[in-house]
Amino acid sequence: MLHEPVMQQLAKLGLRGAADALARLPFNEDVFEALALLLDAESLQRDSTAQARRLRLARLGQIAHPADVDLRTCVGSAKHAGTSCSV
């Protein structure tokens, strides 16, 4: 595991103090690998929570999941202009 991606992810998550402290520690591959897994899990959790909040605040008329959206159908001017809108 590379040192720099872990440091960047710590900074992205707002953990600059932890990134600075980790930079001062001697490099240990096992520690960085475990930390990378923890940071990935935290990042996914934050992204999931943010998406759930956005969906809740959108006050959609129907309950839907983004995977349920059919992007193969033509919408708007593409249908009337005779252009192909297949995916």
N, C-alpha and C. Protein backbone atom coordinates (compact mmCIF):
# COMPACT_ATOMS: atom_id res chain seq x y z
N MET A 1 0.86 -1.18 0.00
CA MET A 1 0.00 0.00 0.00
C MET A 1 0.89 1.22 0.00
N LEU A 2 0.54 2.16 -0.81
CA LEU A 2 1.33 3.38 -0.89
C LEU A 2 0.99 4.33 0.25
N HIS A 3 1.96 5.09 0.64
CA HIS A 3 1.84 6.02 1.76
C HIS A 3 0.96 7.21 1.38
N GLU A 4 1.14 7.74 0.19
CA GLU A 4 0.47 8.99 -0.20
C GLU A 4 -1.06 8.89 -0.30
N PRO A 5 -1.64 7.82 -0.89
CA PRO A 5 -3.11 7.75 -0.94
C PRO A 5 -3.76 7.74 0.44
N VAL A 6 -3.11 7.10 1.40
CA VAL A 6 -3.65 7.09 2.76
C VAL A 6 -3.62 8.49 3.34
N MET A 7 -2.53 9.20 3.11
CA MET A 7 -2.42 10.57 3.62
C MET A 7 -3.47 11.48 2.97
N GLN A 8 -3.68 11.31 1.67
CA GLN A 8 -4.67 12.12 0.96
C GLN A 8 -6.08 11.83 1.47
N GLN A 9 -6.38 10.57 1.73
CA GLN A 9 -7.71 10.22 2.21
C GLN A 9 -7.93 10.75 3.63
N LEU A 10 -6.91 10.73 4.45
CA LEU A 10 -7.03 11.33 5.78
C LEU A 10 -7.35 12.82 5.67
N ALA A 11 -6.66 13.51 4.78
CA ALA A 11 -6.91 14.94 4.59
C ALA A 11 -8.31 15.18 4.02
N LYS A 12 -8.74 14.33 3.08
CA LYS A 12 -10.08 14.47 2.48
C LYS A 12 -11.18 14.33 3.53
N LEU A 13 -10.96 13.44 4.48
CA LEU A 13 -11.94 13.21 5.54
C LEU A 13 -11.85 14.24 6.66
N GLY A 14 -10.93 15.19 6.51
CA GLY A 14 -10.80 16.24 7.51
C GLY A 14 -9.99 15.82 8.72
N LEU A 15 -9.15 14.84 8.56
CA LEU A 15 -8.33 14.33 9.66
C LEU A 15 -6.87 14.74 9.46
N ARG A 16 -6.65 16.02 9.29
CA ARG A 16 -5.30 16.53 9.01
C ARG A 16 -4.34 16.28 10.18
N GLY A 17 -4.82 16.37 11.38
CA GLY A 17 -3.98 16.09 12.54
C GLY A 17 -3.52 14.64 12.55
N ALA A 18 -4.42 13.73 12.21
CA ALA A 18 -4.05 12.32 12.14
C ALA A 18 -3.05 12.09 11.01
N ALA A 19 -3.23 12.80 9.89
CA ALA A 19 -2.29 12.67 8.77
C ALA A 19 -0.90 13.15 9.18
N ASP A 20 -0.84 14.27 9.89
CA ASP A 20 0.45 14.78 10.36
C ASP A 20 1.12 13.81 11.33
N ALA A 21 0.34 13.25 12.25
CA ALA A 21 0.89 12.31 13.22
C ALA A 21 1.37 11.03 12.52
N LEU A 22 0.61 10.57 11.54
CA LEU A 22 1.00 9.37 10.81
C LEU A 22 2.27 9.59 10.00
N ALA A 23 2.44 10.80 9.48
CA ALA A 23 3.64 11.12 8.70
C ALA A 23 4.89 11.06 9.57
N ARG A 24 4.74 11.33 10.86
CA ARG A 24 5.90 11.31 11.76
C ARG A 24 6.25 9.89 12.23
N LEU A 25 5.32 8.95 12.08
CA LEU A 25 5.58 7.58 12.51
C LEU A 25 6.41 6.83 11.48
N PRO A 26 7.16 5.83 11.92
CA PRO A 26 7.90 5.01 10.94
C PRO A 26 6.92 4.23 10.07
N PHE A 27 7.28 4.04 8.81
CA PHE A 27 6.41 3.35 7.85
C PHE A 27 6.26 1.88 8.23
N ASN A 28 5.02 1.44 8.34
CA ASN A 28 4.71 0.05 8.63
C ASN A 28 3.61 -0.36 7.66
N GLU A 29 3.93 -1.25 6.73
CA GLU A 29 2.98 -1.64 5.68
C GLU A 29 1.67 -2.19 6.24
N ASP A 30 1.74 -3.01 7.28
CA ASP A 30 0.53 -3.59 7.86
C ASP A 30 -0.38 -2.52 8.45
N VAL A 31 0.22 -1.55 9.11
CA VAL A 31 -0.57 -0.46 9.69
C VAL A 31 -1.24 0.35 8.60
N PHE A 32 -0.50 0.67 7.54
CA PHE A 32 -1.08 1.46 6.45
C PHE A 32 -2.18 0.70 5.72
N GLU A 33 -2.02 -0.61 5.57
CA GLU A 33 -3.04 -1.41 4.90
C GLU A 33 -4.32 -1.45 5.74
N ALA A 34 -4.19 -1.66 7.04
CA ALA A 34 -5.35 -1.68 7.92
C ALA A 34 -6.01 -0.30 7.96
N LEU A 35 -5.20 0.74 8.02
CA LEU A 35 -5.73 2.10 8.05
C LEU A 35 -6.45 2.43 6.75
N ALA A 36 -5.92 1.96 5.62
CA ALA A 36 -6.56 2.20 4.32
C ALA A 36 -7.94 1.55 4.28
N LEU A 37 -8.07 0.35 4.83
CA LEU A 37 -9.37 -0.32 4.87
C LEU A 37 -10.36 0.44 5.76
N LEU A 38 -9.88 0.92 6.90
CA LEU A 38 -10.74 1.71 7.78
C LEU A 38 -11.18 3.01 7.12
N LEU A 39 -10.25 3.67 6.44
CA LEU A 39 -10.58 4.93 5.77
C LEU A 39 -11.56 4.72 4.63
N ASP A 40 -11.42 3.62 3.89
CA ASP A 40 -12.38 3.31 2.82
C ASP A 40 -13.77 3.09 3.39
N ALA A 41 -13.85 2.35 4.50
CA ALA A 41 -15.14 2.10 5.13
C ALA A 41 -15.77 3.40 5.62
N GLU A 42 -14.98 4.28 6.22
CA GLU A 42 -15.49 5.56 6.70
C GLU A 42 -15.97 6.43 5.54
N SER A 43 -15.20 6.45 4.47
CA SER A 43 -15.56 7.25 3.30
C SER A 43 -16.87 6.75 2.68
N LEU A 44 -17.01 5.43 2.56
CA LEU A 44 -18.25 4.85 2.02
C LEU A 44 -19.44 5.17 2.92
N GLN A 45 -19.24 5.08 4.22
CA GLN A 45 -20.33 5.38 5.16
C GLN A 45 -20.76 6.83 5.04
N ARG A 46 -19.80 7.75 4.95
CA ARG A 46 -20.14 9.17 4.81
C ARG A 46 -20.86 9.44 3.50
N ASP A 47 -20.40 8.82 2.41
CA ASP A 47 -21.05 9.01 1.12
C ASP A 47 -22.48 8.47 1.14
N SER A 48 -22.65 7.30 1.75
CA SER A 48 -23.97 6.69 1.84
C SER A 48 -24.93 7.54 2.67
N THR A 49 -24.44 8.05 3.79
CA THR A 49 -25.25 8.92 4.64
C THR A 49 -25.63 10.20 3.92
N ALA A 50 -24.70 10.77 3.18
CA ALA A 50 -24.98 12.00 2.44
C ALA A 50 -26.01 11.76 1.35
N GLN A 51 -25.90 10.63 0.64
CA GLN A 51 -26.86 10.33 -0.41
C GLN A 51 -28.25 10.09 0.18
N ALA A 52 -28.33 9.38 1.29
CA ALA A 52 -29.61 9.14 1.94
C ALA A 52 -30.24 10.46 2.39
N ARG A 53 -29.43 11.37 2.91
CA ARG A 53 -29.94 12.68 3.33
C ARG A 53 -30.47 13.47 2.13
N ARG A 54 -29.72 13.45 1.02
CA ARG A 54 -30.17 14.17 -0.18
C ARG A 54 -31.47 13.60 -0.72
N LEU A 55 -31.59 12.27 -0.73
CA LEU A 55 -32.82 11.65 -1.20
C LEU A 55 -33.99 11.98 -0.29
N ARG A 56 -33.75 12.01 1.01
CA ARG A 56 -34.81 12.33 1.96
C ARG A 56 -35.26 13.78 1.80
N LEU A 57 -34.31 14.69 1.61
CA LEU A 57 -34.65 16.10 1.47
C LEU A 57 -35.25 16.43 0.11
N ALA A 58 -35.08 15.57 -0.88
CA ALA A 58 -35.62 15.82 -2.21
C ALA A 58 -37.14 15.72 -2.22
N ARG A 59 -37.70 15.03 -1.27
CA ARG A 59 -39.15 14.85 -1.16
C ARG A 59 -39.75 14.38 -2.48
N LEU A 60 -39.24 13.28 -2.94
CA LEU A 60 -39.71 12.71 -4.19
C LEU A 60 -41.12 12.17 -4.01
N GLY A 61 -41.91 12.25 -5.08
CA GLY A 61 -43.29 11.79 -5.02
C GLY A 61 -43.41 10.29 -4.88
N GLN A 62 -42.43 9.57 -5.39
CA GLN A 62 -42.44 8.12 -5.31
C GLN A 62 -41.13 7.65 -4.71
N ILE A 63 -41.19 6.51 -4.08
CA ILE A 63 -39.97 5.92 -3.56
C ILE A 63 -39.27 5.22 -4.72
N ALA A 64 -38.04 5.60 -4.98
CA ALA A 64 -37.29 5.01 -6.09
C ALA A 64 -35.83 4.90 -5.69
N HIS A 65 -35.15 4.03 -6.39
CA HIS A 65 -33.72 3.85 -6.20
C HIS A 65 -33.04 4.27 -7.49
N PRO A 66 -31.88 4.92 -7.44
CA PRO A 66 -31.21 5.35 -8.68
C PRO A 66 -31.00 4.21 -9.68
N ALA A 67 -30.86 2.99 -9.22
CA ALA A 67 -30.67 1.86 -10.13
C ALA A 67 -31.95 1.53 -10.90
N ASP A 68 -33.11 1.99 -10.41
CA ASP A 68 -34.38 1.72 -11.07
C ASP A 68 -34.64 2.64 -12.26
N VAL A 69 -33.85 3.66 -12.44
CA VAL A 69 -34.07 4.62 -13.52
C VAL A 69 -33.64 3.99 -14.84
N ASP A 70 -34.55 4.02 -15.82
CA ASP A 70 -34.28 3.47 -17.15
C ASP A 70 -33.72 4.59 -18.02
N LEU A 71 -32.43 4.53 -18.30
CA LEU A 71 -31.78 5.57 -19.09
C LEU A 71 -31.85 5.28 -20.58
N ARG A 72 -32.47 4.19 -20.98
CA ARG A 72 -32.55 3.84 -22.39
C ARG A 72 -33.68 4.57 -23.10
N THR A 73 -34.64 5.10 -22.39
CA THR A 73 -35.76 5.77 -23.04
C THR A 73 -35.37 7.19 -23.43
N CYS A 74 -35.94 7.65 -24.54
CA CYS A 74 -35.68 9.01 -25.02
C CYS A 74 -36.52 10.00 -24.24
N VAL A 75 -35.93 11.10 -23.90
CA VAL A 75 -36.63 12.13 -23.15
C VAL A 75 -36.38 13.47 -23.82
N GLY A 76 -37.40 14.28 -23.88
CA GLY A 76 -37.22 15.65 -24.35
C GLY A 76 -36.97 15.77 -25.83
N SER A 77 -36.10 16.69 -26.22
CA SER A 77 -35.91 17.07 -27.61
C SER A 77 -35.24 15.97 -28.43
N ALA A 78 -34.54 15.04 -27.82
CA ALA A 78 -33.89 13.98 -28.58
C ALA A 78 -34.92 13.10 -29.28
N LYS A 79 -36.08 12.91 -28.65
CA LYS A 79 -37.13 12.09 -29.23
C LYS A 79 -37.71 12.77 -30.47
N HIS A 80 -37.89 14.08 -30.39
CA HIS A 80 -38.53 14.82 -31.47
C HIS A 80 -37.55 15.19 -32.57
N ALA A 81 -36.29 15.26 -32.29
CA ALA A 81 -35.31 15.67 -33.29
C ALA A 81 -34.88 14.52 -34.18
N GLY A 82 -35.33 13.31 -33.88
CA GLY A 82 -34.98 12.16 -34.69
C GLY A 82 -33.59 11.63 -34.43
N THR A 83 -32.97 12.07 -33.36
CA THR A 83 -31.63 11.58 -33.04
C THR A 83 -31.74 10.29 -32.26
N SER A 84 -30.73 9.50 -32.36
CA SER A 84 -30.69 8.24 -31.63
C SER A 84 -30.33 8.52 -30.18
N CYS A 85 -31.06 7.90 -29.29
CA CYS A 85 -30.77 8.11 -27.87
C CYS A 85 -30.53 6.78 -27.18
N SER A 86 -30.10 5.77 -27.93
CA SER A 86 -29.82 4.48 -27.31
C SER A 86 -28.50 4.54 -26.56
N VAL A 87 -28.41 3.72 -25.54
CA VAL A 87 -27.22 3.71 -24.69
C VAL A 87 -26.21 2.74 -25.21
